[in-house]
């Protein structure tokens, strides 16, 4: 575990199940975002901070799940939205920082 990384080893299976549900929800939002099925501006204005925070907190769980399922692309769209797109949004004039 790296410094500043969330220790998810203390979670019970039911708690992890809830977090996987959250990750699936955010992957759904990200898929819709990249397919232009939702208003991108609304997604970023309303969810940028929670997307970013959730990704950084749950990154160890995401990596663990990718290895366990042998699915290196699992949650990739969520990762891209929470990192690259949110960073791009934050750099735009007038959006400010959270």
Protein backbone atom coordinates (compact mmCIF):
# COMPACT_ATOMS: atom_id res chain seq x y z
CA UNK A 1 0.00 0.00 0.00
CA UNK A 2 1.42 3.35 -1.04
CA UNK A 3 1.36 6.45 1.10
CA UNK A 4 -2.02 8.17 0.87
CA UNK A 5 -3.66 5.08 -0.60
CA UNK A 6 -6.88 3.76 0.91
CA UNK A 7 -6.56 0.50 2.88
CA UNK A 8 -9.40 -1.61 1.53
CA UNK A 9 -8.21 -4.87 3.11
CA UNK A 10 -10.42 -4.19 6.13
CA UNK A 11 -13.62 -4.32 4.08
CA UNK A 12 -16.08 -7.16 4.41
CA UNK A 13 -17.36 -8.90 1.27
CA UNK A 14 -20.75 -7.16 1.53
CA UNK A 15 -19.04 -3.78 1.74
CA UNK A 16 -16.95 -4.58 -1.33
CA UNK A 17 -20.09 -5.66 -3.14
CA UNK A 18 -21.58 -2.22 -2.50
CA UNK A 19 -18.43 -0.55 -3.81
CA UNK A 20 -18.51 -2.70 -6.95
CA UNK A 21 -22.10 -1.53 -7.47
CA UNK A 22 -20.89 2.08 -7.22
CA UNK A 23 -18.06 1.38 -9.68
CA UNK A 24 -20.50 -0.22 -12.11
CA UNK A 25 -22.74 2.86 -11.84
CA UNK A 26 -19.82 5.19 -12.59
CA UNK A 27 -18.71 2.99 -15.49
CA UNK A 28 -22.25 3.28 -16.87
CA UNK A 29 -22.12 7.09 -16.55
CA UNK A 30 -18.70 7.15 -18.23
CA UNK A 31 -19.87 4.94 -21.09
CA UNK A 32 -22.86 7.22 -21.67
CA UNK A 33 -20.56 10.26 -21.44
CA UNK A 34 -18.18 8.99 -24.13
CA UNK A 35 -21.07 7.87 -26.34
CA UNK A 36 -22.55 11.39 -26.13
CA UNK A 37 -25.71 9.89 -24.63
CA UNK A 38 -25.71 12.40 -21.78
CA UNK A 39 -24.96 16.09 -21.52
CA UNK A 40 -21.21 16.09 -20.84
CA UNK A 41 -21.29 19.53 -19.27
CA UNK A 42 -23.94 18.46 -16.78
CA UNK A 43 -22.01 15.31 -15.84
CA UNK A 44 -18.85 17.31 -15.21
CA UNK A 45 -20.55 20.18 -13.38
CA UNK A 46 -22.54 17.85 -11.14
CA UNK A 47 -20.17 14.92 -10.63
CA UNK A 48 -16.55 15.96 -11.33
CA UNK A 49 -15.46 16.01 -7.71
CA UNK A 50 -17.21 12.77 -6.73
CA UNK A 51 -15.89 11.00 -9.84
CA UNK A 52 -12.35 12.09 -9.07
CA UNK A 53 -12.52 11.30 -5.36
CA UNK A 54 -14.18 7.93 -5.87
CA UNK A 55 -11.61 6.88 -8.45
CA UNK A 56 -8.65 7.83 -6.25
CA UNK A 57 -10.13 6.20 -3.15
CA UNK A 58 -11.09 2.99 -4.92
CA UNK A 59 -8.14 2.65 -7.28
CA UNK A 60 -6.65 -0.21 -5.20
CA UNK A 61 -9.96 -2.08 -5.37
CA UNK A 62 -10.17 -1.46 -9.14
CA UNK A 63 -6.64 -2.81 -9.63
CA UNK A 64 -7.37 -5.82 -7.43
CA UNK A 65 -10.54 -6.59 -9.39
CA UNK A 66 -8.76 -6.25 -12.74
CA UNK A 67 -6.19 -8.83 -11.67
CA UNK A 68 -8.73 -11.20 -10.09
CA UNK A 69 -10.93 -11.20 -13.20
CA UNK A 70 -8.00 -11.03 -15.67
CA UNK A 71 -9.73 -8.00 -17.15
CA UNK A 72 -7.15 -5.21 -17.50
CA UNK A 73 -9.69 -2.91 -19.17
CA UNK A 74 -12.27 -3.17 -16.37
CA UNK A 75 -13.58 0.29 -15.40
CA UNK A 76 -11.35 1.96 -18.02
CA UNK A 77 -13.99 4.44 -19.13
CA UNK A 78 -14.65 5.45 -15.53
CA UNK A 79 -10.90 5.87 -15.02
CA UNK A 80 -10.55 8.06 -18.10
CA UNK A 81 -13.55 10.20 -17.13
CA UNK A 82 -12.42 10.58 -13.52
CA UNK A 83 -8.86 11.47 -14.40
CA UNK A 84 -8.36 12.93 -17.88
CA UNK A 85 -11.78 14.47 -18.49
CA UNK A 86 -12.11 15.93 -15.00
CA UNK A 87 -8.59 17.37 -15.26
CA UNK A 88 -9.44 18.90 -18.64
CA UNK A 89 -12.66 20.34 -17.19
CA UNK A 90 -10.82 21.87 -14.23
CA UNK A 91 -8.38 23.65 -16.55
CA UNK A 92 -11.17 25.42 -18.45
CA UNK A 93 -11.56 29.10 -17.57
CA UNK A 94 -14.44 29.81 -15.24
CA UNK A 95 -14.80 26.29 -13.88
CA UNK A 96 -12.52 26.87 -10.94
CA UNK A 97 -11.20 24.25 -8.59
CA UNK A 98 -13.32 22.37 -6.10
